[in-house]
Amino acid sequence: MSPDSRRAQVAREVEKGTHSLEAGEQLLRVGLHDDAVTRFYYAAFHFASAALLTEGIEASSHHGLMTLFSEHLVRTGALSAARAKDLKRLQGFREAADYDRAFAFTAEGAEEEAAVARAFVSEMSVLLESRGFGS
């Protein structure tokens, strides 16, 4: 992957992550809590993908992203283990919101996941900036 291609791919992931976060916020405001949490996960997913792309690493699945994120960003000390836990948490709640018929987010629960996603995106933005991939 050329440096220009990598930069473009990172920018696209950031754009998709930003849009997912904004969509989650809008869904939260209108009371679509499960859908909001799904978008919050995708915001984190795209920002995690962008962070991996700064090292030229692409994940081919959600599970692969989790593994690569831990291996290349947490174990190296670039990020704390708490970020990997946040990503896994958001993924688990996304799956529950999408597939578990008995599960439904309350406004408070969805807001809690919004806070997790906001913090995750903020820390990824700092990492991207520190690596020369900021806006």
C-alpha atoms as a PDB file:
ATOM      1  CA  MET A   1       0.000   0.000   0.000  1.00  0.00           C
ATOM      2  CA  SER A   2       1.494   3.312  -1.049  1.00  0.00           C
ATOM      3  CA  PRO A   3       1.650   6.194   1.436  1.00  0.00           C
ATOM      4  CA  ASP A   4      -0.973   8.118  -0.573  1.00  0.00           C
ATOM      5  CA  SER A   5      -3.260   5.098  -0.690  1.00  0.00           C
ATOM      6  CA  ARG A   6      -2.824   4.529   3.044  1.00  0.00           C
ATOM      7  CA  ARG A   7      -3.600   8.180   3.791  1.00  0.00           C
ATOM      8  CA  ALA A   8      -6.755   8.010   1.643  1.00  0.00           C
ATOM      9  CA  GLN A   9      -7.906   4.795   3.295  1.00  0.00           C
ATOM     10  CA  VAL A  10      -7.369   6.217   6.783  1.00  0.00           C
ATOM     11  CA  ALA A  11      -9.308   9.340   5.820  1.00  0.00           C
ATOM     12  CA  ARG A  12     -12.181   7.240   4.480  1.00  0.00           C
ATOM     13  CA  GLU A  13     -12.359   5.177   7.687  1.00  0.00           C
ATOM     14  CA  VAL A  14     -12.364   8.368   9.765  1.00  0.00           C
ATOM     15  CA  GLU A  15     -15.142   9.784   7.601  1.00  0.00           C
ATOM     16  CA  LYS A  16     -17.231   6.609   7.973  1.00  0.00           C
ATOM     17  CA  GLY A  17     -16.569   6.530  11.717  1.00  0.00           C
ATOM     18  CA  THR A  18     -17.533  10.166  12.125  1.00  0.00           C
ATOM     19  CA  HIS A  19     -20.749   9.618  10.182  1.00  0.00           C
ATOM     20  CA  SER A  20     -21.570   6.543  12.285  1.00  0.00           C
ATOM     21  CA  LEU A  21     -21.034   8.505  15.494  1.00  0.00           C
ATOM     22  CA  GLU A  22     -23.251  11.344  14.231  1.00  0.00           C
ATOM     23  CA  ALA A  23     -25.939   8.866  13.154  1.00  0.00           C
ATOM     24  CA  GLY A  24     -25.812   7.224  16.575  1.00  0.00           C
ATOM     25  CA  GLU A  25     -26.268  10.590  18.257  1.00  0.00           C
ATOM     26  CA  GLN A  26     -29.293  11.370  16.075  1.00  0.00           C
ATOM     27  CA  LEU A  27     -30.838   7.940  16.701  1.00  0.00           C
ATOM     28  CA  LEU A  28     -30.272   8.399  20.430  1.00  0.00           C
ATOM     29  CA  ARG A  29     -32.099  11.748  20.359  1.00  0.00           C
ATOM     30  CA  VAL A  30     -35.200  10.211  18.743  1.00  0.00           C
ATOM     31  CA  GLY A  31     -35.283   7.219  21.080  1.00  0.00           C
ATOM     32  CA  LEU A  32     -34.042   4.493  18.723  1.00  0.00           C
ATOM     33  CA  HIS A  33     -31.676   3.121  21.338  1.00  0.00           C
ATOM     34  CA  ASP A  34     -30.770  -0.260  19.833  1.00  0.00           C
ATOM     35  CA  ASP A  35     -30.045   1.335  16.469  1.00  0.00           C
ATOM     36  CA  ALA A  36     -27.984   4.046  18.138  1.00  0.00           C
ATOM     37  CA  VAL A  37     -25.801   1.496  19.902  1.00  0.00           C
ATOM     38  CA  THR A  38     -25.239  -0.319  16.613  1.00  0.00           C
ATOM     39  CA  ARG A  39     -23.985   2.903  15.042  1.00  0.00           C
ATOM     40  CA  PHE A  40     -21.770   3.617  18.065  1.00  0.00           C
ATOM     41  CA  TYR A  41     -20.066   0.270  17.552  1.00  0.00           C
ATOM     42  CA  TYR A  42     -19.481   1.051  13.885  1.00  0.00           C
ATOM     43  CA  ALA A  43     -17.985   4.418  14.803  1.00  0.00           C
ATOM     44  CA  ALA A  44     -15.457   2.601  16.998  1.00  0.00           C
ATOM     45  CA  PHE A  45     -14.941  -0.088  14.349  1.00  0.00           C
ATOM     46  CA  HIS A  46     -14.039   2.444  11.656  1.00  0.00           C
ATOM     47  CA  PHE A  47     -11.723   4.424  13.917  1.00  0.00           C
ATOM     48  CA  ALA A  48     -10.000   1.208  15.028  1.00  0.00           C
ATOM     49  CA  SER A  49      -9.629   0.279  11.353  1.00  0.00           C
ATOM     50  CA  ALA A  50      -8.095   3.692  10.661  1.00  0.00           C
ATOM     51  CA  ALA A  51      -5.611   3.229  13.507  1.00  0.00           C
ATOM     52  CA  LEU A  52      -4.543  -0.150  12.123  1.00  0.00           C
ATOM     53  CA  LEU A  53      -4.225   1.264   8.631  1.00  0.00           C
ATOM     54  CA  THR A  54      -1.617   3.738   9.902  1.00  0.00           C
ATOM     55  CA  GLU A  55       0.570   0.650  10.240  1.00  0.00           C
ATOM     56  CA  GLY A  56      -0.488  -0.762   6.885  1.00  0.00           C
ATOM     57  CA  ILE A  57      -2.688  -3.413   8.500  1.00  0.00           C
ATOM     58  CA  GLU A  58      -6.174  -4.253   7.263  1.00  0.00           C
ATOM     59  CA  ALA A  59      -8.633  -6.552   9.001  1.00  0.00           C
ATOM     60  CA  SER A  60     -10.890  -8.788   6.931  1.00  0.00           C
ATOM     61  CA  SER A  61     -13.517  -9.389   9.617  1.00  0.00           C
ATOM     62  CA  HIS A  62     -14.857  -7.993  12.873  1.00  0.00           C
ATOM     63  CA  HIS A  63     -13.111 -10.753  14.825  1.00  0.00           C
ATOM     64  CA  GLY A  64      -9.913 -10.090  12.903  1.00  0.00           C
ATOM     65  CA  LEU A  65     -10.110  -6.413  13.770  1.00  0.00           C
ATOM     66  CA  MET A  66     -10.306  -7.270  17.473  1.00  0.00           C
ATOM     67  CA  THR A  67      -7.303  -9.567  17.246  1.00  0.00           C
ATOM     68  CA  LEU A  68      -5.188  -7.178  15.192  1.00  0.00           C
ATOM     69  CA  PHE A  69      -6.165  -4.204  17.352  1.00  0.00           C
ATOM     70  CA  SER A  70      -4.959  -5.988  20.483  1.00  0.00           C
ATOM     71  CA  GLU A  71      -1.829  -7.343  18.832  1.00  0.00           C
ATOM     72  CA  HIS A  72      -0.613  -4.206  17.059  1.00  0.00           C
ATOM     73  CA  LEU A  73      -1.962  -1.333  19.143  1.00  0.00           C
ATOM     74  CA  VAL A  74      -2.444  -2.584  22.703  1.00  0.00           C
ATOM     75  CA  ARG A  75       0.394  -5.079  23.146  1.00  0.00           C
ATOM     76  CA  THR A  76       2.823  -2.573  21.645  1.00  0.00           C
ATOM     77  CA  GLY A  77       1.789   0.032  24.207  1.00  0.00           C
ATOM     78  CA  ALA A  78       0.336   2.473  21.682  1.00  0.00           C
ATOM     79  CA  LEU A  79      -3.039   2.171  23.449  1.00  0.00           C
ATOM     80  CA  SER A  80      -4.225   0.906  26.804  1.00  0.00           C
ATOM     81  CA  ALA A  81      -5.972  -2.438  27.222  1.00  0.00           C
ATOM     82  CA  ALA A  82      -9.069  -0.459  28.203  1.00  0.00           C
ATOM     83  CA  ARG A  83      -9.518   0.558  24.561  1.00  0.00           C
ATOM     84  CA  ALA A  84      -9.606  -3.080  23.436  1.00  0.00           C
ATOM     85  CA  LYS A  85     -12.171  -3.788  26.161  1.00  0.00           C
ATOM     86  CA  ASP A  86     -14.271  -0.822  24.996  1.00  0.00           C
ATOM     87  CA  LEU A  87     -14.210  -2.064  21.418  1.00  0.00           C
ATOM     88  CA  LYS A  88     -15.181  -5.581  22.491  1.00  0.00           C
ATOM     89  CA  ARG A  89     -17.930  -4.190  24.728  1.00  0.00           C
ATOM     90  CA  LEU A  90     -19.416  -2.128  21.905  1.00  0.00           C
ATOM     91  CA  GLN A  91     -19.257  -5.120  19.573  1.00  0.00           C
ATOM     92  CA  GLY A  92     -21.065  -7.331  22.092  1.00  0.00           C
ATOM     93  CA  PHE A  93     -23.803  -4.789  22.649  1.00  0.00           C
ATOM     94  CA  ARG A  94     -24.142  -4.257  18.890  1.00  0.00           C
ATOM     95  CA  GLU A  95     -24.728  -7.983  18.467  1.00  0.00           C
ATOM     96  CA  ALA A  96     -27.262  -8.021  21.306  1.00  0.00           C
ATOM     97  CA  ALA A  97     -29.077  -4.983  19.900  1.00  0.00           C
ATOM     98  CA  ASP A  98     -29.222  -6.524  16.425  1.00  0.00           C
ATOM     99  CA  TYR A  99     -29.914 -10.184  17.161  1.00  0.00           C
ATOM    100  CA  ASP A 100     -31.248 -10.781  20.687  1.00  0.00           C
ATOM    101  CA  ARG A 101     -35.057 -10.553  20.624  1.00  0.00           C
ATOM    102  CA  ALA A 102     -35.227 -10.278  24.410  1.00  0.00           C
ATOM    103  CA  PHE A 103     -32.686  -7.472  24.638  1.00  0.00           C
ATOM    104  CA  ALA A 104     -33.564  -3.788  24.413  1.00  0.00           C
ATOM    105  CA  PHE A 105     -31.517  -0.783  25.387  1.00  0.00           C
ATOM    106  CA  THR A 106     -32.944   1.810  27.719  1.00  0.00           C
ATOM    107  CA  ALA A 107     -32.183   5.472  27.160  1.00  0.00           C
ATOM    108  CA  GLU A 108     -29.683   5.330  30.032  1.00  0.00           C
ATOM    109  CA  GLY A 109     -27.970   2.219  28.686  1.00  0.00           C
ATOM    110  CA  ALA A 110     -27.692   3.650  25.199  1.00  0.00           C
ATOM    111  CA  GLU A 111     -26.282   6.902  26.587  1.00  0.00           C
ATOM    112  CA  GLU A 112     -23.669   4.906  28.502  1.00  0.00           C
ATOM    113  CA  GLU A 113     -22.569   3.221  25.272  1.00  0.00           C
ATOM    114  CA  ALA A 114     -22.556   6.593  23.543  1.00  0.00           C
ATOM    115  CA  ALA A 115     -20.090   7.816  26.163  1.00  0.00           C
ATOM    116  CA  VAL A 116     -17.886   4.754  25.600  1.00  0.00           C
ATOM    117  CA  ALA A 117     -17.936   5.348  21.835  1.00  0.00           C
ATOM    118  CA  ARG A 118     -17.196   9.065  22.183  1.00  0.00           C
ATOM    119  CA  ALA A 119     -14.208   8.367  24.421  1.00  0.00           C
ATOM    120  CA  PHE A 120     -12.948   5.653  22.071  1.00  0.00           C
ATOM    121  CA  VAL A 121     -13.229   7.905  19.016  1.00  0.00           C
ATOM    122  CA  SER A 122     -11.528  10.739  20.877  1.00  0.00           C
ATOM    123  CA  GLU A 123      -8.565   8.572  21.849  1.00  0.00           C
ATOM    124  CA  MET A 124      -8.275   7.148  18.324  1.00  0.00           C
ATOM    125  CA  SER A 125      -8.303  10.696  16.949  1.00  0.00           C
ATOM    126  CA  VAL A 126      -5.407  11.606  19.228  1.00  0.00           C
ATOM    127  CA  LEU A 127      -3.500   8.509  18.103  1.00  0.00           C
ATOM    128  CA  LEU A 128      -4.138   9.291  14.440  1.00  0.00           C
ATOM    129  CA  GLU A 129      -2.999  12.883  14.950  1.00  0.00           C
ATOM    130  CA  SER A 130       0.172  11.737  16.698  1.00  0.00           C
ATOM    131  CA  ARG A 131       0.942   9.506  13.725  1.00  0.00           C
ATOM    132  CA  GLY A 132       0.456  12.312  11.220  1.00  0.00           C
ATOM    133  CA  PHE A 133      -2.991  11.220  10.050  1.00  0.00           C
ATOM    134  CA  GLY A 134      -5.042  13.980  11.659  1.00  0.00           C
ATOM    135  CA  SER A 135      -7.258  16.457   9.916  1.00  0.00           C
END
